Amino acid sequence: MLLAFSFISLFYVGNAQQSYGNSTVSALFAFGDSILDTGNNNLLLSVSKVNFYPYGRDFIGGRATGRFGNGRVFSDIIAEGLGLKNLLPAYRDPYLWNNDLTTGVCFASGGSGLDPITARTTGSIWVSDQVTDFQNYITRLNGVVGNQEQANAVISNAVYLISAGNNDIAITYFTTGARRLQYTLPAYNDQLVSWTRDLIKSLYDMGARKFAVMGTLPLGCLPGARALTRACELFVNQGAAMFNQQLSADIDNLGATFPGAKFVYVDMYNPLLGLIINPQASGFIDVADACCCTPTHLIPCLDASRYVFWDVAHPTQKSYETIAPQIIENIKAKLA
């Protein structure tokens, strides 16, 4: 297993070093939840971990790396699109190579969110603790490059990709109801946006300047939400859309609050909803069910690329690859 890992790492590190020369982005750092997590939960005592078959079935070597999908996840694909490397390693991976530090790592944790209750519920790494990991990363980076100026250049020219809010809305608000007595849905969304701003400030204070902030998925259309009726849950989708609208408006106005920083809002809701509404246009055949790990698919489907969703809550690699090109171009245009 270790030998296989070493071979893969060497291949992708080499690829990253060759492709980074003409990029204006030094690295990619991912924070948030399972849409971006590449294996940070593997050693946690958590209900939110997937380092076992059939996860990773379509990954290199069929390995379950802790990614929440059949293959690569969104952070991997964005890293590739920015010309950095094809795989974004998890910071908490005990086999993380020092060579990977200068082009970025992933701090995201499946099941996490902006709300501390969300992380406690799932046993994941809360976003504030991910920031602590980033502080430790900076110390490690300084040791690797041996030059404060060079380390600062990596930090300031990197893209900071954030995916948070999915689990707060889907789990903490709608499923467990842990925040329903305290907040109306609009008030909770306001709080989530405020917590997003706090996360950005924490990273900004450590030198981050380029932020790509993702909205939530169409949560009411996830297979887990539509298991009973096979129809999208309208109220859950409305809650997600409301949060996304508030987040997008806030991101558009953050330039004055954080001088020298650049921001782009990444719309995940509408591109995925487009696949769900018109799957055939992109070669998909099933949108209501998932390829894997549901009552109707205890045995995984044969071809995950025909499904929009891999499991009850996560898109397939093919879905990410389908929506990513336009998002990558937007990130390049806004954050170069």
C-alpha atoms as a PDB file:
ATOM      1  CA  MET A   1       0.000   0.000   0.000  1.00  0.00           C
ATOM      2  CA  LEU A   2       2.756   2.435   0.959  1.00  0.00           C
ATOM      3  CA  LEU A   3       4.730   1.612  -2.185  1.00  0.00           C
ATOM      4  CA  ALA A   4       1.664   2.246  -4.322  1.00  0.00           C
ATOM      5  CA  PHE A   5       1.085   5.546  -2.543  1.00  0.00           C
ATOM      6  CA  SER A   6       4.688   6.599  -3.060  1.00  0.00           C
ATOM      7  CA  PHE A   7       4.512   5.877  -6.794  1.00  0.00           C
ATOM      8  CA  ILE A   8       1.319   7.874  -7.206  1.00  0.00           C
ATOM      9  CA  SER A   9       2.677  10.776  -5.166  1.00  0.00           C
ATOM     10  CA  LEU A  10       5.884  10.929  -7.172  1.00  0.00           C
ATOM     11  CA  PHE A  11       3.954  10.926 -10.445  1.00  0.00           C
ATOM     12  CA  TYR A  12       1.692  13.775  -9.423  1.00  0.00           C
ATOM     13  CA  VAL A  13       4.333  15.860  -7.699  1.00  0.00           C
ATOM     14  CA  GLY A  14       6.394  15.717 -10.870  1.00  0.00           C
ATOM     15  CA  ASN A  15       3.380  16.661 -12.926  1.00  0.00           C
ATOM     16  CA  ALA A  16       2.673  19.616 -10.655  1.00  0.00           C
ATOM     17  CA  GLN A  17       6.204  20.954 -10.874  1.00  0.00           C
ATOM     18  CA  GLN A  18       6.145  20.839 -14.662  1.00  0.00           C
ATOM     19  CA  SER A  19       2.795  22.587 -15.041  1.00  0.00           C
ATOM     20  CA  TYR A  20       3.154  25.326 -12.412  1.00  0.00           C
ATOM     21  CA  GLY A  21       5.653  27.440 -14.352  1.00  0.00           C
ATOM     22  CA  ASN A  22       3.147  29.639 -16.191  1.00  0.00           C
ATOM     23  CA  SER A  23       0.498  29.780 -13.464  1.00  0.00           C
ATOM     24  CA  THR A  24      -0.230  32.950 -11.493  1.00  0.00           C
ATOM     25  CA  VAL A  25      -1.525  30.760  -8.670  1.00  0.00           C
ATOM     26  CA  SER A  26       1.097  29.283  -6.351  1.00  0.00           C
ATOM     27  CA  ALA A  27      -1.046  26.722  -4.536  1.00  0.00           C
ATOM     28  CA  LEU A  28      -4.553  25.599  -3.652  1.00  0.00           C
ATOM     29  CA  PHE A  29      -5.771  25.273  -0.073  1.00  0.00           C
ATOM     30  CA  ALA A  30      -9.179  23.701   0.565  1.00  0.00           C
ATOM     31  CA  PHE A  31     -11.304  24.241   3.671  1.00  0.00           C
ATOM     32  CA  GLY A  32     -14.737  23.045   4.658  1.00  0.00           C
ATOM     33  CA  ASP A  33     -16.596  19.796   4.090  1.00  0.00           C
ATOM     34  CA  SER A  34     -16.754  16.516   2.175  1.00  0.00           C
ATOM     35  CA  ILE A  35     -17.094  18.149  -1.236  1.00  0.00           C
ATOM     36  CA  LEU A  36     -13.391  19.014  -0.866  1.00  0.00           C
ATOM     37  CA  ASP A  37     -12.075  16.542   1.745  1.00  0.00           C
ATOM     38  CA  THR A  38      -9.364  14.263   0.358  1.00  0.00           C
ATOM     39  CA  GLY A  39      -8.818  12.118   3.440  1.00  0.00           C
ATOM     40  CA  ASN A  40      -8.502  14.210   6.597  1.00  0.00           C
ATOM     41  CA  ASN A  41     -11.063  12.125   8.500  1.00  0.00           C
ATOM     42  CA  ASN A  42      -9.319   8.777   8.043  1.00  0.00           C
ATOM     43  CA  LEU A  43      -7.761   8.694  11.497  1.00  0.00           C
ATOM     44  CA  LEU A  44     -10.670  10.320  13.344  1.00  0.00           C
ATOM     45  CA  LEU A  45     -13.275   8.593  15.499  1.00  0.00           C
ATOM     46  CA  SER A  46     -16.008   9.899  13.240  1.00  0.00           C
ATOM     47  CA  VAL A  47     -19.226   8.706  11.645  1.00  0.00           C
ATOM     48  CA  SER A  48     -18.146  10.699   8.602  1.00  0.00           C
ATOM     49  CA  LYS A  49     -15.341   8.668   7.024  1.00  0.00           C
ATOM     50  CA  VAL A  50     -15.130   6.693   3.815  1.00  0.00           C
ATOM     51  CA  ASN A  51     -11.705   5.069   3.685  1.00  0.00           C
ATOM     52  CA  PHE A  52     -13.205   1.747   2.633  1.00  0.00           C
ATOM     53  CA  TYR A  53     -14.622   0.054  -0.469  1.00  0.00           C
ATOM     54  CA  PRO A  54     -16.554   0.906  -2.611  1.00  0.00           C
ATOM     55  CA  TYR A  55     -15.392   4.492  -2.119  1.00  0.00           C
ATOM     56  CA  GLY A  56     -12.451   5.207  -4.395  1.00  0.00           C
ATOM     57  CA  ARG A  57     -13.491   2.428  -6.740  1.00  0.00           C
ATOM     58  CA  ASP A  58     -12.600   4.546  -9.789  1.00  0.00           C
ATOM     59  CA  PHE A  59      -9.599   6.233  -8.162  1.00  0.00           C
ATOM     60  CA  ILE A  60      -6.060   5.327  -9.253  1.00  0.00           C
ATOM     61  CA  GLY A  61      -5.536   1.715  -8.229  1.00  0.00           C
ATOM     62  CA  GLY A  62      -9.111   1.465  -6.923  1.00  0.00           C
ATOM     63  CA  ARG A  63      -7.940   2.880  -3.589  1.00  0.00           C
ATOM     64  CA  ALA A  64     -10.271   4.237  -0.900  1.00  0.00           C
ATOM     65  CA  THR A  65      -8.344   7.344   0.145  1.00  0.00           C
ATOM     66  CA  GLY A  66     -11.011   8.953   2.290  1.00  0.00           C
ATOM     67  CA  ARG A  67     -12.468  10.956  -0.590  1.00  0.00           C
ATOM     68  CA  PHE A  68     -16.258  11.074  -0.531  1.00  0.00           C
ATOM     69  CA  GLY A  69     -16.853   9.714  -3.991  1.00  0.00           C
ATOM     70  CA  ASN A  70     -15.979   7.089  -6.552  1.00  0.00           C
ATOM     71  CA  GLY A  71     -12.798   8.850  -7.650  1.00  0.00           C
ATOM     72  CA  ARG A  72     -11.372  12.327  -7.515  1.00  0.00           C
ATOM     73  CA  VAL A  73     -13.323  15.059  -5.753  1.00  0.00           C
ATOM     74  CA  PHE A  74     -13.895  18.720  -6.534  1.00  0.00           C
ATOM     75  CA  SER A  75     -10.715  20.016  -4.868  1.00  0.00           C
ATOM     76  CA  ASP A  76      -8.584  17.632  -6.955  1.00  0.00           C
ATOM     77  CA  ILE A  77     -10.230  18.818 -10.145  1.00  0.00           C
ATOM     78  CA  ILE A  78      -9.808  22.501  -9.275  1.00  0.00           C
ATOM     79  CA  ALA A  79      -6.129  21.914  -8.455  1.00  0.00           C
ATOM     80  CA  GLU A  80      -5.673  20.315 -11.864  1.00  0.00           C
ATOM     81  CA  GLY A  81      -7.572  23.106 -13.597  1.00  0.00           C
ATOM     82  CA  LEU A  82      -5.314  25.707 -12.004  1.00  0.00           C
ATOM     83  CA  GLY A  83      -2.257  23.886 -13.371  1.00  0.00           C
ATOM     84  CA  LEU A  84      -0.972  22.774  -9.974  1.00  0.00           C
ATOM     85  CA  LYS A  85      -1.398  18.995  -9.659  1.00  0.00           C
ATOM     86  CA  ASN A  86      -3.977  16.311 -10.285  1.00  0.00           C
ATOM     87  CA  LEU A  87      -4.444  15.319  -6.645  1.00  0.00           C
ATOM     88  CA  LEU A  88      -4.731  17.643  -3.662  1.00  0.00           C
ATOM     89  CA  PRO A  89      -3.369  15.707  -0.664  1.00  0.00           C
ATOM     90  CA  ALA A  90      -4.966  15.760   2.764  1.00  0.00           C
ATOM     91  CA  TYR A  91      -2.931  17.712   5.302  1.00  0.00           C
ATOM     92  CA  ARG A  92      -3.581  15.094   8.000  1.00  0.00           C
ATOM     93  CA  ASP A  93      -2.355  12.256   5.794  1.00  0.00           C
ATOM     94  CA  PRO A  94       0.565  10.761   7.746  1.00  0.00           C
ATOM     95  CA  TYR A  95       2.317  10.059   4.433  1.00  0.00           C
ATOM     96  CA  LEU A  96       2.109  13.662   3.197  1.00  0.00           C
ATOM     97  CA  TRP A  97       5.222  14.535   1.217  1.00  0.00           C
ATOM     98  CA  ASN A  98       7.084  17.795   1.875  1.00  0.00           C
ATOM     99  CA  ASN A  99       7.225  18.267  -1.907  1.00  0.00           C
ATOM    100  CA  ASP A 100       3.451  18.709  -1.881  1.00  0.00           C
ATOM    101  CA  LEU A 101       3.425  21.553   0.625  1.00  0.00           C
ATOM    102  CA  THR A 102       4.416  24.317  -1.774  1.00  0.00           C
ATOM    103  CA  THR A 103       1.570  23.661  -4.223  1.00  0.00           C
ATOM    104  CA  GLY A 104      -1.198  23.174  -1.689  1.00  0.00           C
ATOM    105  CA  VAL A 105      -3.001  20.749   0.554  1.00  0.00           C
ATOM    106  CA  CYS A 106      -6.524  20.068   1.762  1.00  0.00           C
ATOM    107  CA  PHE A 107      -7.724  20.894   5.278  1.00  0.00           C
ATOM    108  CA  ALA A 108     -11.421  20.146   4.648  1.00  0.00           C
ATOM    109  CA  SER A 109     -13.225  17.519   6.709  1.00  0.00           C
ATOM    110  CA  GLY A 110     -16.259  15.515   5.650  1.00  0.00           C
ATOM    111  CA  GLY A 111     -19.270  16.293   7.821  1.00  0.00           C
ATOM    112  CA  SER A 112     -17.897  19.634   8.975  1.00  0.00           C
ATOM    113  CA  GLY A 113     -19.449  23.048   8.783  1.00  0.00           C
ATOM    114  CA  LEU A 114     -19.361  26.619   9.973  1.00  0.00           C
ATOM    115  CA  ASP A 115     -21.485  25.788  13.022  1.00  0.00           C
ATOM    116  CA  PRO A 116     -19.545  24.059  15.831  1.00  0.00           C
ATOM    117  CA  ILE A 117     -22.616  21.900  16.513  1.00  0.00           C
ATOM    118  CA  THR A 118     -22.303  20.420  13.018  1.00  0.00           C
ATOM    119  CA  ALA A 119     -18.745  19.239  13.576  1.00  0.00           C
ATOM    120  CA  ARG A 120     -19.567  17.857  17.019  1.00  0.00           C
ATOM    121  CA  THR A 121     -22.528  15.941  15.614  1.00  0.00           C
ATOM    122  CA  THR A 122     -20.470  14.213  12.930  1.00  0.00           C
ATOM    123  CA  GLY A 123     -17.147  13.974  14.750  1.00  0.00           C
ATOM    124  CA  SER A 124     -15.390  15.998  12.066  1.00  0.00           C
ATOM    125  CA  ILE A 125     -12.841  18.819  12.085  1.00  0.00           C
ATOM    126  CA  TRP A 126     -14.589  22.162  12.648  1.00  0.00           C
ATOM    127  CA  VAL A 127     -13.511  24.943  10.283  1.00  0.00           C
ATOM    128  CA  SER A 128     -11.838  26.859  13.126  1.00  0.00           C
ATOM    129  CA  ASP A 129      -9.724  23.784  13.838  1.00  0.00           C
ATOM    130  CA  GLN A 130      -8.926  23.572  10.130  1.00  0.00           C
ATOM    131  CA  VAL A 131      -7.521  27.098  10.447  1.00  0.00           C
ATOM    132  CA  THR A 132      -5.348  25.837  13.312  1.00  0.00           C
ATOM    133  CA  ASP A 133      -4.099  23.105  10.988  1.00  0.00           C
ATOM    134  CA  PHE A 134      -3.285  25.832   8.468  1.00  0.00           C
ATOM    135  CA  GLN A 135      -1.236  27.664  11.101  1.00  0.00           C
ATOM    136  CA  ASN A 136       0.722  24.466  11.680  1.00  0.00           C
ATOM    137  CA  TYR A 137       1.100  24.074   7.934  1.00  0.00           C
ATOM    138  CA  ILE A 138       2.705  27.519   7.660  1.00  0.00           C
ATOM    139  CA  THR A 139       5.307  26.531  10.258  1.00  0.00           C
ATOM    140  CA  ARG A 140       6.012  23.351   8.321  1.00  0.00           C
ATOM    141  CA  LEU A 141       6.169  25.239   5.011  1.00  0.00           C
ATOM    142  CA  ASN A 142       8.736  27.657   6.429  1.00  0.00           C
ATOM    143  CA  GLY A 143      10.894  24.703   7.387  1.00  0.00           C
ATOM    144  CA  VAL A 144      10.620  23.182   3.910  1.00  0.00           C
ATOM    145  CA  VAL A 145      11.352  26.285   1.823  1.00  0.00           C
ATOM    146  CA  GLY A 146      13.808  27.725   4.371  1.00  0.00           C
ATOM    147  CA  ASN A 147      12.935  31.260   3.339  1.00  0.00           C
ATOM    148  CA  GLN A 148      10.256  33.465   4.908  1.00  0.00           C
ATOM    149  CA  GLU A 149       9.834  35.541   1.763  1.00  0.00           C
ATOM    150  CA  GLN A 150       9.255  32.474  -0.400  1.00  0.00           C
ATOM    151  CA  ALA A 151       6.802  31.013   2.106  1.00  0.00           C
ATOM    152  CA  ASN A 152       4.885  34.302   2.180  1.00  0.00           C
ATOM    153  CA  ALA A 153       4.728  34.270  -1.613  1.00  0.00           C
ATOM    154  CA  VAL A 154       3.159  30.794  -1.574  1.00  0.00           C
ATOM    155  CA  ILE A 155       0.573  31.907   0.985  1.00  0.00           C
ATOM    156  CA  SER A 156      -0.356  35.212  -0.664  1.00  0.00           C
ATOM    157  CA  ASN A 157      -0.584  33.858  -4.226  1.00  0.00           C
ATOM    158  CA  ALA A 158      -2.574  30.732  -3.371  1.00  0.00           C
ATOM    159  CA  VAL A 159      -6.277  30.219  -3.957  1.00  0.00           C
ATOM    160  CA  TYR A 160      -8.311  29.445  -0.833  1.00  0.00           C
ATOM    161  CA  LEU A 161     -11.238  27.236  -1.807  1.00  0.00           C
ATOM    162  CA  ILE A 162     -14.015  27.095   0.796  1.00  0.00           C
ATOM    163  CA  SER A 163     -17.042  24.788   0.840  1.00  0.00           C
ATOM    164  CA  ALA A 164     -19.110  25.211   3.991  1.00  0.00           C
ATOM    165  CA  GLY A 165     -22.804  25.436   4.779  1.00  0.00           C
ATOM    166  CA  ASN A 166     -23.989  22.177   3.219  1.00  0.00           C
ATOM    167  CA  ASN A 167     -23.977  20.219   6.477  1.00  0.00           C
ATOM    168  CA  ASP A 168     -25.080  23.146   8.604  1.00  0.00           C
ATOM    169  CA  ILE A 169     -28.265  23.498   6.585  1.00  0.00           C
ATOM    170  CA  ALA A 170     -28.883  19.844   5.728  1.00  0.00           C
ATOM    171  CA  ILE A 171     -27.943  18.275   9.071  1.00  0.00           C
ATOM    172  CA  THR A 172     -27.931  20.854  11.856  1.00  0.00           C
ATOM    173  CA  TYR A 173     -30.980  22.784  10.721  1.00  0.00           C
ATOM    174  CA  PHE A 174     -33.219  20.423   8.765  1.00  0.00           C
ATOM    175  CA  THR A 175     -32.296  16.914   9.956  1.00  0.00           C
ATOM    176  CA  THR A 176     -31.467  17.155  13.661  1.00  0.00           C
ATOM    177  CA  GLY A 177     -33.221  20.480  14.180  1.00  0.00           C
ATOM    178  CA  ALA A 178     -30.494  21.489  16.628  1.00  0.00           C
ATOM    179  CA  ARG A 179     -30.757  25.161  15.676  1.00  0.00           C
ATOM    180  CA  ARG A 180     -34.468  25.442  14.846  1.00  0.00           C
ATOM    181  CA  LEU A 181     -35.547  26.680  18.271  1.00  0.00           C
ATOM    182  CA  GLN A 182     -32.793  29.287  18.284  1.00  0.00           C
ATOM    183  CA  TYR A 183     -33.002  30.573  14.703  1.00  0.00           C
ATOM    184  CA  THR A 184     -35.513  31.040  11.942  1.00  0.00           C
ATOM    185  CA  LEU A 185     -34.087  29.811   8.646  1.00  0.00           C
ATOM    186  CA  PRO A 186     -33.287  33.349   7.379  1.00  0.00           C
ATOM    187  CA  ALA A 187     -31.612  34.177  10.695  1.00  0.00           C
ATOM    188  CA  TYR A 188     -29.582  30.969  10.612  1.00  0.00           C
ATOM    189  CA  ASN A 189     -28.466  31.723   7.072  1.00  0.00           C
ATOM    190  CA  ASP A 190     -27.397  35.188   8.243  1.00  0.00           C
ATOM    191  CA  GLN A 191     -25.355  33.550  10.983  1.00  0.00           C
ATOM    192  CA  LEU A 192     -23.741  31.151   8.516  1.00  0.00           C
ATOM    193  CA  VAL A 193     -22.733  34.057   6.287  1.00  0.00           C
ATOM    194  CA  SER A 194     -21.279  35.850   9.305  1.00  0.00           C
ATOM    195  CA  TRP A 195     -19.304  32.734  10.259  1.00  0.00           C
ATOM    196  CA  THR A 196     -18.031  32.519   6.669  1.00  0.00           C
ATOM    197  CA  ARG A 197     -16.767  36.082   6.992  1.00  0.00           C
ATOM    198  CA  ASP A 198     -15.030  35.139  10.261  1.00  0.00           C
ATOM    199  CA  LEU A 199     -13.330  32.204   8.520  1.00  0.00           C
ATOM    200  CA  ILE A 200     -12.144  34.447   5.707  1.00  0.00           C
ATOM    201  CA  LYS A 201     -10.791  36.982   8.210  1.00  0.00           C
ATOM    202  CA  SER A 202      -8.824  34.291  10.038  1.00  0.00           C
ATOM    203  CA  LEU A 203      -7.168  33.223   6.792  1.00  0.00           C
ATOM    204  CA  TYR A 204      -6.687  36.813   5.617  1.00  0.00           C
ATOM    205  CA  ASP A 205      -4.872  37.671   8.846  1.00  0.00           C
ATOM    206  CA  MET A 206      -2.410  34.865   8.066  1.00  0.00           C
ATOM    207  CA  GLY A 207      -1.689  36.185   4.580  1.00  0.00           C
ATOM    208  CA  ALA A 208      -4.425  34.718   2.362  1.00  0.00           C
ATOM    209  CA  ARG A 209      -5.537  37.035  -0.438  1.00  0.00           C
ATOM    210  CA  LYS A 210      -7.387  34.971  -3.066  1.00  0.00           C
ATOM    211  CA  PHE A 211     -10.690  33.422  -2.014  1.00  0.00           C
ATOM    212  CA  ALA A 212     -13.040  31.172  -3.992  1.00  0.00           C
ATOM    213  CA  VAL A 213     -16.093  30.679  -1.788  1.00  0.00           C
ATOM    214  CA  MET A 214     -18.534  27.965  -2.808  1.00  0.00           C
ATOM    215  CA  GLY A 215     -22.264  27.990  -2.260  1.00  0.00           C
ATOM    216  CA  THR A 216     -24.148  24.872  -1.274  1.00  0.00           C
ATOM    217  CA  LEU A 217     -25.391  22.112  -3.524  1.00  0.00           C
ATOM    218  CA  PRO A 218     -29.146  21.876  -4.304  1.00  0.00           C
ATOM    219  CA  LEU A 219     -29.565  20.050  -0.999  1.00  0.00           C
ATOM    220  CA  GLY A 220     -33.203  19.146  -1.521  1.00  0.00           C
ATOM    221  CA  CYS A 221     -32.278  17.203  -4.663  1.00  0.00           C
ATOM    222  CA  LEU A 222     -29.646  14.975  -3.073  1.00  0.00           C
ATOM    223  CA  PRO A 223     -30.655  11.306  -3.187  1.00  0.00           C
ATOM    224  CA  GLY A 224     -30.835  11.231   0.596  1.00  0.00           C
ATOM    225  CA  ALA A 225     -33.370  14.067   0.608  1.00  0.00           C
ATOM    226  CA  ARG A 226     -35.575  12.565  -2.087  1.00  0.00           C
ATOM    227  CA  ALA A 227     -35.435   8.937  -0.955  1.00  0.00           C
ATOM    228  CA  LEU A 228     -39.109   8.697  -0.011  1.00  0.00           C
ATOM    229  CA  THR A 229     -40.849  10.608  -2.799  1.00  0.00           C
ATOM    230  CA  ARG A 230     -38.050  10.714  -5.420  1.00  0.00           C
ATOM    231  CA  ALA A 231     -38.965  14.385  -5.831  1.00  0.00           C
ATOM    232  CA  CYS A 232     -36.703  17.219  -4.734  1.00  0.00           C
ATOM    233  CA  GLU A 233     -37.534  18.643  -1.291  1.00  0.00           C
ATOM    234  CA  LEU A 234     -38.661  22.146  -2.226  1.00  0.00           C
ATOM    235  CA  PHE A 235     -38.301  23.746   1.202  1.00  0.00           C
ATOM    236  CA  VAL A 236     -34.761  22.414   1.670  1.00  0.00           C
ATOM    237  CA  ASN A 237     -33.785  23.703  -1.767  1.00  0.00           C
ATOM    238  CA  GLN A 238     -35.302  27.080  -0.940  1.00  0.00           C
ATOM    239  CA  GLY A 239     -33.242  27.221   2.244  1.00  0.00           C
ATOM    240  CA  ALA A 240     -30.063  26.397   0.342  1.00  0.00           C
ATOM    241  CA  ALA A 241     -30.849  28.915  -2.409  1.00  0.00           C
ATOM    242  CA  MET A 242     -31.541  31.585   0.203  1.00  0.00           C
ATOM    243  CA  PHE A 243     -28.180  30.980   1.856  1.00  0.00           C
ATOM    244  CA  ASN A 244     -26.402  31.043  -1.491  1.00  0.00           C
ATOM    245  CA  GLN A 245     -27.996  34.350  -2.435  1.00  0.00           C
ATOM    246  CA  GLN A 246     -26.984  35.928   0.867  1.00  0.00           C
ATOM    247  CA  LEU A 247     -23.466  34.488   0.644  1.00  0.00           C
ATOM    248  CA  SER A 248     -22.963  35.648  -2.939  1.00  0.00           C
ATOM    249  CA  ALA A 249     -24.066  39.204  -2.079  1.00  0.00           C
ATOM    250  CA  ASP A 250     -21.720  39.278   0.905  1.00  0.00           C
ATOM    251  CA  ILE A 251     -18.764  37.960  -1.104  1.00  0.00           C
ATOM    252  CA  ASP A 252     -19.327  40.683  -3.708  1.00  0.00           C
ATOM    253  CA  ASN A 253     -18.875  43.343  -1.024  1.00  0.00           C
ATOM    254  CA  LEU A 254     -15.895  41.973   0.905  1.00  0.00           C
ATOM    255  CA  GLY A 255     -13.253  43.824  -1.077  1.00  0.00           C
ATOM    256  CA  ALA A 256     -13.668  46.960   1.030  1.00  0.00           C
ATOM    257  CA  THR A 257     -13.435  44.964   4.267  1.00  0.00           C
ATOM    258  CA  PHE A 258     -10.275  43.100   3.262  1.00  0.00           C
ATOM    259  CA  PRO A 259      -7.949  45.450   1.324  1.00  0.00           C
ATOM    260  CA  GLY A 260      -5.804  43.747  -1.291  1.00  0.00           C
ATOM    261  CA  ALA A 261      -7.901  40.585  -1.318  1.00  0.00           C
ATOM    262  CA  LYS A 262      -9.796  39.125  -4.289  1.00  0.00           C
ATOM    263  CA  PHE A 263     -13.004  37.138  -4.087  1.00  0.00           C
ATOM    264  CA  VAL A 264     -15.110  34.961  -6.331  1.00  0.00           C
ATOM    265  CA  TYR A 265     -18.382  33.249  -5.484  1.00  0.00           C
ATOM    266  CA  VAL A 266     -18.548  29.704  -6.833  1.00  0.00           C
ATOM    267  CA  ASP A 267     -22.069  28.665  -7.768  1.00  0.00           C
ATOM    268  CA  MET A 268     -22.496  24.935  -7.166  1.00  0.00           C
ATOM    269  CA  TYR A 269     -26.278  24.992  -6.888  1.00  0.00           C
ATOM    270  CA  ASN A 270     -27.302  25.924 -10.427  1.00  0.00           C
ATOM    271  CA  PRO A 271     -24.752  23.866 -12.406  1.00  0.00           C
ATOM    272  CA  LEU A 272     -25.675  20.710 -10.468  1.00  0.00           C
ATOM    273  CA  LEU A 273     -29.368  21.515 -10.699  1.00  0.00           C
ATOM    274  CA  GLY A 274     -28.873  21.787 -14.449  1.00  0.00           C
ATOM    275  CA  LEU A 275     -27.511  18.237 -14.533  1.00  0.00           C
ATOM    276  CA  ILE A 276     -30.480  17.066 -12.468  1.00  0.00           C
ATOM    277  CA  ILE A 277     -33.056  18.779 -14.686  1.00  0.00           C
ATOM    278  CA  ASN A 278     -31.462  17.752 -17.992  1.00  0.00           C
ATOM    279  CA  PRO A 279     -29.175  14.782 -17.303  1.00  0.00           C
ATOM    280  CA  GLN A 280     -29.209  13.347 -20.831  1.00  0.00           C
ATOM    281  CA  ALA A 281     -27.493  16.448 -22.220  1.00  0.00           C
ATOM    282  CA  SER A 282     -24.351  15.488 -20.299  1.00  0.00           C
ATOM    283  CA  GLY A 283     -24.636  11.723 -20.686  1.00  0.00           C
ATOM    284  CA  PHE A 284     -26.274  10.896 -17.341  1.00  0.00           C
ATOM    285  CA  ILE A 285     -29.166   8.474 -16.957  1.00  0.00           C
ATOM    286  CA  ASP A 286     -30.069   8.624 -13.257  1.00  0.00           C
ATOM    287  CA  VAL A 287     -30.466  11.656 -11.014  1.00  0.00           C
ATOM    288  CA  ALA A 288     -32.940  10.585  -8.322  1.00  0.00           C
ATOM    289  CA  ASP A 289     -30.951   7.610  -7.108  1.00  0.00           C
ATOM    290  CA  ALA A 290     -27.257   7.216  -6.381  1.00  0.00           C
ATOM    291  CA  CYS A 291     -24.792   4.720  -7.793  1.00  0.00           C
ATOM    292  CA  CYS A 292     -23.868   3.427  -4.377  1.00  0.00           C
ATOM    293  CA  CYS A 293     -24.775   2.918  -0.778  1.00  0.00           C
ATOM    294  CA  THR A 294     -28.552   3.383  -0.851  1.00  0.00           C
ATOM    295  CA  PRO A 295     -31.359   0.881  -0.160  1.00  0.00           C
ATOM    296  CA  THR A 296     -31.819   0.435  -3.909  1.00  0.00           C
ATOM    297  CA  HIS A 297     -28.090   0.193  -4.604  1.00  0.00           C
ATOM    298  CA  LEU A 298     -26.522  -1.810  -1.812  1.00  0.00           C
ATOM    299  CA  ILE A 299     -24.359  -3.221  -4.577  1.00  0.00           C
ATOM    300  CA  PRO A 300     -22.768  -0.308  -6.479  1.00  0.00           C
ATOM    301  CA  CYS A 301     -23.831   0.373 -10.031  1.00  0.00           C
ATOM    302  CA  LEU A 302     -21.522  -0.802 -12.788  1.00  0.00           C
ATOM    303  CA  ASP A 303     -20.811   2.617 -14.313  1.00  0.00           C
ATOM    304  CA  ALA A 304     -20.728   5.602 -11.945  1.00  0.00           C
ATOM    305  CA  SER A 305     -20.219   8.002 -14.855  1.00  0.00           C
ATOM    306  CA  ARG A 306     -23.878   7.551 -15.792  1.00  0.00           C
ATOM    307  CA  TYR A 307     -25.015   8.825 -12.389  1.00  0.00           C
ATOM    308  CA  VAL A 308     -25.043  12.409 -11.134  1.00  0.00           C
ATOM    309  CA  PHE A 309     -24.616  11.195  -7.546  1.00  0.00           C
ATOM    310  CA  TRP A 310     -22.292   8.587  -6.118  1.00  0.00           C
ATOM    311  CA  ASP A 311     -24.026   8.177  -2.745  1.00  0.00           C
ATOM    312  CA  VAL A 312     -26.825   9.866  -0.811  1.00  0.00           C
ATOM    313  CA  ALA A 313     -25.033  13.222  -0.642  1.00  0.00           C
ATOM    314  CA  HIS A 314     -22.052  13.397  -3.010  1.00  0.00           C
ATOM    315  CA  PRO A 315     -21.725  13.893  -6.772  1.00  0.00           C
ATOM    316  CA  THR A 316     -19.729  11.477  -8.885  1.00  0.00           C
ATOM    317  CA  GLN A 317     -16.351  12.374 -10.328  1.00  0.00           C
ATOM    318  CA  LYS A 318     -18.058  12.732 -13.725  1.00  0.00           C
ATOM    319  CA  SER A 319     -20.473  15.323 -12.305  1.00  0.00           C
ATOM    320  CA  TYR A 320     -17.624  17.369 -10.883  1.00  0.00           C
ATOM    321  CA  GLU A 321     -15.722  17.133 -14.167  1.00  0.00           C
ATOM    322  CA  THR A 322     -18.823  18.257 -16.074  1.00  0.00           C
ATOM    323  CA  ILE A 323     -19.450  21.436 -14.073  1.00  0.00           C
ATOM    324  CA  ALA A 324     -15.823  22.333 -13.291  1.00  0.00           C
ATOM    325  CA  PRO A 325     -14.505  23.898 -16.535  1.00  0.00           C
ATOM    326  CA  GLN A 326     -16.611  27.058 -16.366  1.00  0.00           C
ATOM    327  CA  ILE A 327     -15.954  27.379 -12.631  1.00  0.00           C
ATOM    328  CA  ILE A 328     -12.197  27.062 -13.190  1.00  0.00           C
ATOM    329  CA  GLU A 329     -12.239  29.734 -15.879  1.00  0.00           C
ATOM    330  CA  ASN A 330     -14.160  32.041 -13.554  1.00  0.00           C
ATOM    331  CA  ILE A 331     -11.666  31.477 -10.745  1.00  0.00           C
ATOM    332  CA  LYS A 332      -8.778  32.221 -13.100  1.00  0.00           C
ATOM    333  CA  ALA A 333     -10.457  35.378 -14.398  1.00  0.00           C
ATOM    334  CA  LYS A 334     -11.300  36.769 -10.966  1.00  0.00           C
ATOM    335  CA  LEU A 335      -8.288  35.666  -8.918  1.00  0.00           C
ATOM    336  CA  ALA A 336      -5.356  35.844 -11.341  1.00  0.00           C
END
